[in-house]
Amino acid sequence: MKQLILKFEHFEYDKDIYNANITLVEDLYFDEVKASSLLGIEIKDSIDTQSIIVKFEWLDSLYKLSEDFCFIPEANTLFFRSIYQWGVIDVENKKLTRHESAFNCPSITRYNNLILITDELYAESVTLTGERIDNVPIDPPYELQEFEDRIEYTSHVYGHQILKLR
């Protein structure tokens, strides 16, 4: 069985980290980094320990990394989110496989054998490794109905939308 250990550090300035495996900038439209966070990831099993350091660069010193992660042990992937972004890290290969913008605090939920990402303006179903299955626009308030192979959203703005789960 795999054990996930996460260590966080937040700095009210841009801390230079030379041993970070991945560096993420929350918004590419601006270039002045005002704060940074470090995430140390360790995955231990009975045979091996894998380690990775991820640096997050923030454009506002109030931004911090949410401690809400979704680790998928069978795929060795870690889903992360913050206020305006979400993404997927392939821990075994120390590689960022997805880095997406979000409108406002996306949620990441494991839903059977897939991951459901819900942001204020869209819903996306992805595989356990982060590959897109489907994406639909949504806008609150909306109603949703869950089925085995889909989720149906109905809102005033986008009408009836069907998110495929396979």
N, C-alpha and C. Protein backbone atom coordinates (compact mmCIF):
# COMPACT_ATOMS: atom_id res chain seq x y z
N MET A 1 0.84 -1.19 0.00
CA MET A 1 0.00 0.00 0.00
C MET A 1 0.88 1.25 0.00
N LYS A 2 0.51 2.23 -0.79
CA LYS A 2 1.29 3.46 -0.90
C LYS A 2 0.84 4.47 0.14
N GLN A 3 1.83 5.18 0.69
CA GLN A 3 1.57 6.21 1.67
C GLN A 3 2.02 7.55 1.09
N LEU A 4 1.14 8.53 1.14
CA LEU A 4 1.42 9.87 0.62
C LEU A 4 1.77 10.79 1.78
N ILE A 5 2.91 11.50 1.66
CA ILE A 5 3.32 12.49 2.65
C ILE A 5 3.51 13.81 1.92
N LEU A 6 2.81 14.85 2.35
CA LEU A 6 2.92 16.17 1.75
C LEU A 6 3.47 17.15 2.78
N LYS A 7 4.40 17.99 2.35
CA LYS A 7 4.96 19.03 3.22
C LYS A 7 4.81 20.36 2.51
N PHE A 8 4.28 21.37 3.22
CA PHE A 8 4.02 22.68 2.65
C PHE A 8 4.91 23.74 3.29
N GLU A 9 5.32 24.70 2.50
CA GLU A 9 5.96 25.91 3.00
C GLU A 9 5.43 27.06 2.15
N HIS A 10 5.13 28.19 2.77
CA HIS A 10 4.67 29.36 2.02
C HIS A 10 5.57 30.53 2.37
N PHE A 11 5.92 31.32 1.35
CA PHE A 11 6.80 32.47 1.51
C PHE A 11 6.10 33.69 0.95
N GLU A 12 6.15 34.80 1.68
CA GLU A 12 5.52 36.04 1.25
C GLU A 12 6.38 36.77 0.22
N TYR A 13 7.25 36.05 -0.44
CA TYR A 13 8.13 36.60 -1.47
C TYR A 13 8.47 35.45 -2.42
N ASP A 14 9.14 35.77 -3.49
CA ASP A 14 9.54 34.73 -4.45
C ASP A 14 10.83 34.09 -3.97
N LYS A 15 10.72 32.90 -3.45
CA LYS A 15 11.91 32.19 -2.94
C LYS A 15 12.54 31.42 -4.09
N ASP A 16 13.83 31.63 -4.26
CA ASP A 16 14.57 30.87 -5.28
C ASP A 16 14.79 29.45 -4.79
N ILE A 17 14.32 28.51 -5.57
CA ILE A 17 14.50 27.10 -5.25
C ILE A 17 15.12 26.45 -6.48
N TYR A 18 16.33 25.98 -6.33
CA TYR A 18 17.05 25.43 -7.47
C TYR A 18 16.83 23.94 -7.63
N ASN A 19 16.33 23.29 -6.60
CA ASN A 19 16.14 21.85 -6.70
C ASN A 19 14.68 21.45 -6.93
N ALA A 20 13.84 22.41 -7.32
CA ALA A 20 12.44 22.08 -7.61
C ALA A 20 12.39 21.29 -8.92
N ASN A 21 11.61 20.22 -8.91
CA ASN A 21 11.43 19.42 -10.11
C ASN A 21 10.47 20.08 -11.09
N ILE A 22 9.48 20.80 -10.55
CA ILE A 22 8.46 21.47 -11.36
C ILE A 22 8.24 22.87 -10.77
N THR A 23 8.15 23.88 -11.62
CA THR A 23 7.78 25.23 -11.19
C THR A 23 6.53 25.64 -11.94
N LEU A 24 5.52 26.09 -11.20
CA LEU A 24 4.24 26.47 -11.78
C LEU A 24 3.95 27.94 -11.51
N VAL A 25 3.56 28.66 -12.54
CA VAL A 25 3.13 30.04 -12.39
C VAL A 25 1.62 30.04 -12.59
N GLU A 26 0.91 30.67 -11.64
CA GLU A 26 -0.55 30.60 -11.69
C GLU A 26 -1.13 31.32 -12.89
N ASP A 27 -0.58 32.45 -13.28
CA ASP A 27 -1.13 33.21 -14.39
C ASP A 27 0.00 33.67 -15.28
N LEU A 28 -0.04 33.32 -16.54
CA LEU A 28 1.04 33.63 -17.45
C LEU A 28 0.97 35.04 -18.04
N TYR A 29 -0.09 35.79 -17.72
CA TYR A 29 -0.24 37.12 -18.30
C TYR A 29 0.57 38.19 -17.57
N PHE A 30 1.01 37.87 -16.37
CA PHE A 30 1.79 38.81 -15.59
C PHE A 30 3.15 38.18 -15.31
N ASP A 31 4.13 39.02 -15.01
CA ASP A 31 5.45 38.43 -14.82
C ASP A 31 6.06 38.71 -13.46
N GLU A 32 5.39 39.42 -12.58
CA GLU A 32 5.96 39.72 -11.29
C GLU A 32 5.42 38.75 -10.23
N VAL A 33 6.28 37.90 -9.74
CA VAL A 33 5.89 36.93 -8.72
C VAL A 33 6.03 37.60 -7.36
N LYS A 34 4.95 37.53 -6.55
CA LYS A 34 4.95 38.20 -5.25
C LYS A 34 5.10 37.24 -4.08
N ALA A 35 4.82 35.96 -4.30
CA ALA A 35 4.93 34.97 -3.23
C ALA A 35 5.16 33.60 -3.86
N SER A 36 5.55 32.65 -3.03
CA SER A 36 5.74 31.30 -3.55
C SER A 36 5.42 30.28 -2.47
N SER A 37 5.07 29.10 -2.92
CA SER A 37 4.81 27.97 -2.02
C SER A 37 5.61 26.79 -2.52
N LEU A 38 6.06 25.99 -1.58
CA LEU A 38 6.75 24.75 -1.93
C LEU A 38 5.91 23.58 -1.45
N LEU A 39 5.84 22.59 -2.30
CA LEU A 39 5.14 21.36 -1.96
C LEU A 39 6.14 20.22 -2.11
N GLY A 40 6.43 19.57 -1.01
CA GLY A 40 7.27 18.39 -1.04
C GLY A 40 6.36 17.17 -1.03
N ILE A 41 6.56 16.28 -1.99
CA ILE A 41 5.72 15.09 -2.12
C ILE A 41 6.61 13.86 -1.93
N GLU A 42 6.18 12.98 -1.06
CA GLU A 42 6.85 11.69 -0.91
C GLU A 42 5.79 10.61 -1.00
N ILE A 43 6.10 9.59 -1.76
CA ILE A 43 5.22 8.43 -1.84
C ILE A 43 6.06 7.22 -1.45
N LYS A 44 5.63 6.58 -0.37
CA LYS A 44 6.36 5.43 0.14
C LYS A 44 5.53 4.17 -0.06
N ASP A 45 6.20 3.12 -0.47
CA ASP A 45 5.58 1.80 -0.46
C ASP A 45 6.58 0.84 0.19
N SER A 46 6.30 -0.42 0.19
CA SER A 46 7.16 -1.38 0.89
C SER A 46 8.54 -1.52 0.25
N ILE A 47 8.69 -1.09 -1.00
CA ILE A 47 9.96 -1.27 -1.73
C ILE A 47 10.71 0.04 -1.91
N ASP A 48 10.02 1.13 -2.16
CA ASP A 48 10.64 2.33 -2.70
C ASP A 48 10.04 3.59 -2.08
N THR A 49 10.76 4.71 -2.18
CA THR A 49 10.25 6.03 -1.84
C THR A 49 10.51 6.95 -3.02
N GLN A 50 9.47 7.62 -3.49
CA GLN A 50 9.60 8.59 -4.58
C GLN A 50 9.41 9.98 -3.99
N SER A 51 10.25 10.92 -4.39
CA SER A 51 10.18 12.29 -3.88
C SER A 51 10.17 13.27 -5.04
N ILE A 52 9.44 14.36 -4.83
CA ILE A 52 9.38 15.42 -5.84
C ILE A 52 9.13 16.74 -5.12
N ILE A 53 9.72 17.83 -5.63
CA ILE A 53 9.49 19.16 -5.08
C ILE A 53 8.85 20.01 -6.17
N VAL A 54 7.72 20.64 -5.81
CA VAL A 54 6.99 21.50 -6.75
C VAL A 54 6.96 22.91 -6.17
N LYS A 55 7.34 23.89 -6.98
CA LYS A 55 7.29 25.29 -6.56
C LYS A 55 6.12 25.96 -7.27
N PHE A 56 5.27 26.63 -6.50
CA PHE A 56 4.16 27.41 -7.04
C PHE A 56 4.51 28.88 -6.89
N GLU A 57 4.41 29.63 -7.98
CA GLU A 57 4.67 31.06 -7.95
C GLU A 57 3.34 31.79 -8.02
N TRP A 58 3.15 32.74 -7.08
CA TRP A 58 1.88 33.45 -6.97
C TRP A 58 2.05 34.91 -7.36
N LEU A 59 1.03 35.48 -7.96
CA LEU A 59 1.05 36.88 -8.36
C LEU A 59 0.45 37.78 -7.30
N ASP A 60 -0.09 37.18 -6.25
CA ASP A 60 -0.63 37.91 -5.12
C ASP A 60 -0.08 37.24 -3.86
N SER A 61 0.43 38.02 -2.94
CA SER A 61 1.05 37.43 -1.75
C SER A 61 0.03 36.74 -0.84
N LEU A 62 -1.25 36.97 -1.07
CA LEU A 62 -2.28 36.30 -0.26
C LEU A 62 -2.61 34.90 -0.78
N TYR A 63 -2.24 34.60 -2.02
CA TYR A 63 -2.55 33.27 -2.57
C TYR A 63 -1.68 32.22 -1.91
N LYS A 64 -2.28 31.09 -1.68
CA LYS A 64 -1.56 29.95 -1.13
C LYS A 64 -2.10 28.69 -1.79
N LEU A 65 -1.36 27.65 -1.64
CA LEU A 65 -1.77 26.37 -2.17
C LEU A 65 -2.81 25.76 -1.24
N SER A 66 -3.91 25.29 -1.81
CA SER A 66 -4.91 24.60 -1.02
C SER A 66 -4.36 23.24 -0.62
N GLU A 67 -4.69 22.81 0.55
CA GLU A 67 -4.24 21.49 0.99
C GLU A 67 -5.21 20.41 0.55
N ASP A 68 -5.99 20.71 -0.45
CA ASP A 68 -6.97 19.77 -0.97
C ASP A 68 -6.39 19.10 -2.21
N PHE A 69 -5.88 17.90 -2.03
CA PHE A 69 -5.27 17.14 -3.11
C PHE A 69 -6.03 15.84 -3.31
N CYS A 70 -5.88 15.28 -4.47
CA CYS A 70 -6.48 13.98 -4.76
C CYS A 70 -5.36 13.09 -5.32
N PHE A 71 -4.89 12.16 -4.50
CA PHE A 71 -3.82 11.26 -4.92
C PHE A 71 -4.45 9.97 -5.45
N ILE A 72 -3.98 9.55 -6.63
CA ILE A 72 -4.46 8.32 -7.26
C ILE A 72 -3.31 7.32 -7.21
N PRO A 73 -3.29 6.45 -6.19
CA PRO A 73 -2.14 5.56 -6.02
C PRO A 73 -1.90 4.61 -7.19
N GLU A 74 -2.95 4.09 -7.80
CA GLU A 74 -2.76 3.14 -8.89
C GLU A 74 -2.19 3.79 -10.15
N ALA A 75 -2.31 5.11 -10.27
CA ALA A 75 -1.76 5.82 -11.43
C ALA A 75 -0.54 6.66 -11.06
N ASN A 76 -0.22 6.75 -9.77
CA ASN A 76 0.89 7.57 -9.28
C ASN A 76 0.73 9.03 -9.71
N THR A 77 -0.50 9.53 -9.67
CA THR A 77 -0.77 10.91 -10.04
C THR A 77 -1.34 11.67 -8.84
N LEU A 78 -1.03 12.96 -8.80
CA LEU A 78 -1.53 13.83 -7.76
C LEU A 78 -2.25 15.00 -8.43
N PHE A 79 -3.53 15.14 -8.16
CA PHE A 79 -4.32 16.27 -8.64
C PHE A 79 -4.22 17.37 -7.60
N PHE A 80 -4.02 18.62 -8.04
CA PHE A 80 -3.94 19.76 -7.13
C PHE A 80 -4.86 20.86 -7.63
N ARG A 81 -5.15 21.81 -6.74
CA ARG A 81 -5.96 22.96 -7.12
C ARG A 81 -5.60 24.15 -6.25
N SER A 82 -5.86 25.33 -6.77
CA SER A 82 -5.79 26.56 -5.99
C SER A 82 -6.90 27.45 -6.51
N ILE A 83 -6.87 28.71 -6.19
CA ILE A 83 -7.99 29.59 -6.54
C ILE A 83 -8.27 29.61 -8.04
N TYR A 84 -7.24 29.79 -8.85
CA TYR A 84 -7.44 29.98 -10.29
C TYR A 84 -6.77 28.93 -11.16
N GLN A 85 -6.50 27.76 -10.61
CA GLN A 85 -5.84 26.73 -11.42
C GLN A 85 -6.09 25.34 -10.84
N TRP A 86 -5.84 24.36 -11.66
CA TRP A 86 -5.79 22.97 -11.21
C TRP A 86 -4.84 22.23 -12.15
N GLY A 87 -4.39 21.09 -11.70
CA GLY A 87 -3.48 20.34 -12.55
C GLY A 87 -3.22 18.95 -12.04
N VAL A 88 -2.36 18.25 -12.78
CA VAL A 88 -2.04 16.86 -12.48
C VAL A 88 -0.53 16.68 -12.57
N ILE A 89 0.02 16.03 -11.54
CA ILE A 89 1.45 15.74 -11.50
C ILE A 89 1.63 14.24 -11.57
N ASP A 90 2.45 13.80 -12.53
CA ASP A 90 2.89 12.40 -12.61
C ASP A 90 4.08 12.28 -11.66
N VAL A 91 3.83 11.75 -10.47
CA VAL A 91 4.85 11.73 -9.43
C VAL A 91 6.01 10.82 -9.81
N GLU A 92 5.73 9.68 -10.38
CA GLU A 92 6.78 8.73 -10.72
C GLU A 92 7.79 9.32 -11.71
N ASN A 93 7.29 10.05 -12.71
CA ASN A 93 8.17 10.64 -13.72
C ASN A 93 8.54 12.10 -13.43
N LYS A 94 8.08 12.63 -12.29
CA LYS A 94 8.37 14.00 -11.87
C LYS A 94 8.02 14.99 -12.99
N LYS A 95 6.78 14.87 -13.45
CA LYS A 95 6.36 15.63 -14.62
C LYS A 95 4.95 16.19 -14.43
N LEU A 96 4.76 17.42 -14.87
CA LEU A 96 3.44 18.03 -14.88
C LEU A 96 2.72 17.58 -16.15
N THR A 97 1.57 16.94 -16.02
CA THR A 97 0.87 16.44 -17.20
C THR A 97 -0.34 17.29 -17.57
N ARG A 98 -0.88 18.04 -16.63
CA ARG A 98 -1.97 19.00 -16.92
C ARG A 98 -1.77 20.22 -16.05
N HIS A 99 -2.04 21.40 -16.60
CA HIS A 99 -2.05 22.65 -15.85
C HIS A 99 -3.10 23.54 -16.49
N GLU A 100 -4.23 23.69 -15.82
CA GLU A 100 -5.38 24.38 -16.40
C GLU A 100 -5.78 25.59 -15.56
N SER A 101 -6.28 26.61 -16.23
CA SER A 101 -6.83 27.77 -15.54
C SER A 101 -8.23 27.43 -15.05
N ALA A 102 -8.63 28.12 -14.00
CA ALA A 102 -9.98 27.94 -13.45
C ALA A 102 -10.57 29.31 -13.17
N PHE A 103 -11.87 29.39 -13.18
CA PHE A 103 -12.54 30.66 -12.91
C PHE A 103 -12.51 30.98 -11.41
N ASN A 104 -12.83 29.97 -10.59
CA ASN A 104 -12.87 30.22 -9.16
C ASN A 104 -12.94 28.91 -8.38
N CYS A 105 -11.90 28.59 -7.68
CA CYS A 105 -11.84 27.44 -6.76
C CYS A 105 -12.46 26.16 -7.31
N PRO A 106 -11.82 25.51 -8.25
CA PRO A 106 -12.37 24.27 -8.79
C PRO A 106 -12.39 23.17 -7.73
N SER A 107 -13.31 22.24 -7.88
CA SER A 107 -13.32 21.08 -6.99
C SER A 107 -12.82 19.87 -7.78
N ILE A 108 -12.16 18.98 -7.08
CA ILE A 108 -11.62 17.77 -7.68
C ILE A 108 -12.17 16.60 -6.87
N THR A 109 -12.92 15.73 -7.55
CA THR A 109 -13.58 14.63 -6.86
C THR A 109 -13.35 13.34 -7.61
N ARG A 110 -12.95 12.32 -6.87
CA ARG A 110 -12.85 11.00 -7.50
C ARG A 110 -14.26 10.45 -7.62
N TYR A 111 -14.58 10.01 -8.81
CA TYR A 111 -15.93 9.54 -9.13
C TYR A 111 -15.77 8.19 -9.80
N ASN A 112 -15.82 7.12 -9.02
CA ASN A 112 -15.57 5.75 -9.51
C ASN A 112 -14.17 5.67 -10.12
N ASN A 113 -14.05 5.36 -11.41
CA ASN A 113 -12.74 5.22 -12.05
C ASN A 113 -12.37 6.44 -12.88
N LEU A 114 -12.81 7.62 -12.46
CA LEU A 114 -12.44 8.86 -13.13
C LEU A 114 -12.43 9.98 -12.12
N ILE A 115 -12.00 11.14 -12.58
CA ILE A 115 -11.97 12.33 -11.73
C ILE A 115 -12.93 13.35 -12.34
N LEU A 116 -13.71 13.98 -11.49
CA LEU A 116 -14.63 15.03 -11.92
C LEU A 116 -14.08 16.37 -11.42
N ILE A 117 -13.82 17.28 -12.36
CA ILE A 117 -13.37 18.63 -12.04
C ILE A 117 -14.56 19.54 -12.27
N THR A 118 -14.94 20.30 -11.25
CA THR A 118 -16.06 21.22 -11.40
C THR A 118 -15.60 22.61 -11.01
N ASP A 119 -15.69 23.52 -11.96
CA ASP A 119 -15.37 24.92 -11.74
C ASP A 119 -16.69 25.67 -11.84
N GLU A 120 -16.69 26.94 -11.58
CA GLU A 120 -17.94 27.69 -11.64
C GLU A 120 -18.53 27.73 -13.05
N LEU A 121 -17.67 27.65 -14.08
CA LEU A 121 -18.16 27.80 -15.45
C LEU A 121 -18.03 26.55 -16.32
N TYR A 122 -17.48 25.46 -15.79
CA TYR A 122 -17.41 24.23 -16.58
C TYR A 122 -17.28 23.02 -15.68
N ALA A 123 -17.61 21.87 -16.24
CA ALA A 123 -17.38 20.58 -15.59
C ALA A 123 -16.58 19.74 -16.58
N GLU A 124 -15.63 18.98 -16.05
CA GLU A 124 -14.79 18.17 -16.91
C GLU A 124 -14.60 16.80 -16.27
N SER A 125 -14.70 15.76 -17.07
CA SER A 125 -14.39 14.42 -16.61
C SER A 125 -13.03 14.05 -17.21
N VAL A 126 -12.16 13.45 -16.36
CA VAL A 126 -10.83 13.07 -16.80
C VAL A 126 -10.51 11.67 -16.28
N THR A 127 -9.56 11.02 -16.93
CA THR A 127 -9.10 9.71 -16.48
C THR A 127 -8.29 9.88 -15.20
N LEU A 128 -7.89 8.79 -14.60
CA LEU A 128 -7.09 8.83 -13.38
C LEU A 128 -5.70 9.40 -13.60
N THR A 129 -5.28 9.49 -14.86
CA THR A 129 -3.99 10.11 -15.18
C THR A 129 -4.16 11.55 -15.67
N GLY A 130 -5.40 12.05 -15.73
CA GLY A 130 -5.66 13.44 -16.09
C GLY A 130 -6.02 13.70 -17.53
N GLU A 131 -6.18 12.66 -18.34
CA GLU A 131 -6.56 12.87 -19.74
C GLU A 131 -8.05 13.19 -19.83
N ARG A 132 -8.37 14.20 -20.63
CA ARG A 132 -9.76 14.64 -20.76
C ARG A 132 -10.63 13.57 -21.40
N ILE A 133 -11.79 13.33 -20.77
CA ILE A 133 -12.84 12.50 -21.35
C ILE A 133 -13.86 13.41 -22.01
N ASP A 134 -14.33 14.41 -21.24
CA ASP A 134 -15.33 15.33 -21.76
C ASP A 134 -15.30 16.62 -20.95
N ASN A 135 -15.86 17.69 -21.52
CA ASN A 135 -15.91 18.99 -20.88
C ASN A 135 -17.17 19.69 -21.35
N VAL A 136 -17.95 20.25 -20.42
CA VAL A 136 -19.16 20.99 -20.79
C VAL A 136 -19.22 22.30 -20.02
N PRO A 137 -19.82 23.33 -20.64
CA PRO A 137 -20.00 24.60 -19.91
C PRO A 137 -21.18 24.48 -18.94
N ILE A 138 -21.03 25.08 -17.77
CA ILE A 138 -22.11 25.17 -16.80
C ILE A 138 -22.07 26.57 -16.20
N ASP A 139 -23.14 27.00 -15.61
CA ASP A 139 -23.18 28.31 -14.97
C ASP A 139 -24.22 28.24 -13.85
N PRO A 140 -23.82 28.55 -12.62
CA PRO A 140 -24.79 28.46 -11.54
C PRO A 140 -25.87 29.53 -11.66
N PRO A 141 -27.03 29.27 -11.14
CA PRO A 141 -27.43 28.01 -10.52
C PRO A 141 -27.76 26.97 -11.59
N TYR A 142 -27.48 25.73 -11.29
CA TYR A 142 -27.81 24.65 -12.21
C TYR A 142 -28.32 23.45 -11.42
N GLU A 143 -29.02 22.61 -12.12
CA GLU A 143 -29.46 21.34 -11.54
C GLU A 143 -28.64 20.26 -12.20
N LEU A 144 -28.38 19.18 -11.47
CA LEU A 144 -27.66 18.08 -12.08
C LEU A 144 -28.32 16.77 -11.73
N GLN A 145 -28.16 15.86 -12.65
CA GLN A 145 -28.70 14.52 -12.47
C GLN A 145 -27.60 13.53 -12.85
N GLU A 146 -27.28 12.60 -11.96
CA GLU A 146 -26.19 11.66 -12.18
C GLU A 146 -26.72 10.34 -12.73
N PHE A 147 -26.01 9.82 -13.72
CA PHE A 147 -26.29 8.53 -14.31
C PHE A 147 -25.00 7.73 -14.31
N GLU A 148 -25.06 6.48 -14.65
CA GLU A 148 -23.86 5.64 -14.64
C GLU A 148 -22.82 6.11 -15.66
N ASP A 149 -23.25 6.58 -16.81
CA ASP A 149 -22.33 6.94 -17.89
C ASP A 149 -22.26 8.44 -18.19
N ARG A 150 -22.99 9.27 -17.41
CA ARG A 150 -23.02 10.70 -17.70
C ARG A 150 -23.58 11.48 -16.50
N ILE A 151 -23.33 12.77 -16.53
CA ILE A 151 -23.97 13.70 -15.60
C ILE A 151 -24.63 14.76 -16.47
N GLU A 152 -25.91 15.01 -16.21
CA GLU A 152 -26.65 16.01 -16.99
C GLU A 152 -26.83 17.26 -16.14
N TYR A 153 -26.42 18.40 -16.72
CA TYR A 153 -26.54 19.70 -16.07
C TYR A 153 -27.58 20.51 -16.81
N THR A 154 -28.40 21.25 -16.07
CA THR A 154 -29.36 22.16 -16.68
C THR A 154 -29.24 23.51 -15.99
N SER A 155 -28.94 24.54 -16.79
CA SER A 155 -28.84 25.89 -16.24
C SER A 155 -29.55 26.86 -17.17
N HIS A 156 -29.84 28.05 -16.64
CA HIS A 156 -30.51 29.07 -17.45
C HIS A 156 -29.63 29.57 -18.58
N VAL A 157 -28.33 29.66 -18.35
CA VAL A 157 -27.42 30.22 -19.34
C VAL A 157 -27.09 29.22 -20.45
N TYR A 158 -26.68 27.99 -20.08
CA TYR A 158 -26.22 27.02 -21.07
C TYR A 158 -27.24 25.94 -21.41
N GLY A 159 -28.39 25.97 -20.77
CA GLY A 159 -29.41 24.97 -21.07
C GLY A 159 -28.99 23.58 -20.60
N HIS A 160 -29.33 22.58 -21.39
CA HIS A 160 -29.09 21.19 -21.03
C HIS A 160 -27.73 20.74 -21.57
N GLN A 161 -26.84 20.32 -20.68
CA GLN A 161 -25.50 19.85 -21.06
C GLN A 161 -25.29 18.44 -20.52
N ILE A 162 -24.66 17.59 -21.32
CA ILE A 162 -24.40 16.21 -20.92
C ILE A 162 -22.90 15.99 -20.85
N LEU A 163 -22.40 15.68 -19.65
CA LEU A 163 -20.98 15.39 -19.45
C LEU A 163 -20.81 13.88 -19.49
N LYS A 164 -20.03 13.40 -20.46
CA LYS A 164 -19.76 11.96 -20.58
C LYS A 164 -18.77 11.53 -19.51
N LEU A 165 -19.01 10.36 -18.96
CA LEU A 165 -18.11 9.81 -17.96
C LEU A 165 -17.29 8.65 -18.51
N ARG A 166 -17.51 8.31 -19.75
CA ARG A 166 -16.74 7.22 -20.41
C ARG A 166 -16.33 7.63 -21.80
